[in-house]
């Protein structure tokens, strides 16, 4: 199961306007290219240089946390995300990305807390309900998993990921008909076109539905 497909990149360092000198602008351009090329080690090194010169810019810590997380350095990414939140408690997306790190470390309660807190900072982050649902699914708390994925679907019925998640939950509950119908709906909505990394989940569901 892919856990980083919907990880949100905090790209504000490229869309926000900061007063930086020519050297700083050049470094930002370099970082952008490194991230686009998934050159995580060099991107982290470049961001560390940027943070050294700008130690109070929350968004730089957020971006370095994202880079570390994409490089599977989950514990280190949490340190940066936490620092970003300390510097700017209202910054969006950071708690979502920290929640992913906790989820990958199997610190599920902390992950759920972060996904819920994201909604407090950004009420429009309705994707949080699907994230919460998936963590409950991993905890094998299927009642709460189903409750939250239903909220996700109610608030954003066009999100194919939620139907895939709901299918996995029903599969775990042994409810084949419901699992397969939600799987089929996710595919029909273009899940694999938009998120091909979910192929493993669909293969797992297809096998279950064919048994």
Foldseek 3Di string as FASTA:
>chain_A
DDLCLPQDALLVVVVPDDDDDPVLVVLNVVLVVCVVVLVLVVNLVSLVVVCVVVVLQLSSLLNSLVSCVSVVVLVVSLVSLVSSCVSPVLDASSLQNNLSSCVVVVVLVSSLVSLVVNCVSPVVPLVSLQVNLVSCVVVVVLVSSLVSLVSSCVVPVLDLVSLLSQLSSCVSVVNLVSNVVSLVVSVVSPVCVVRVVCVVSSVVSVVSNVD
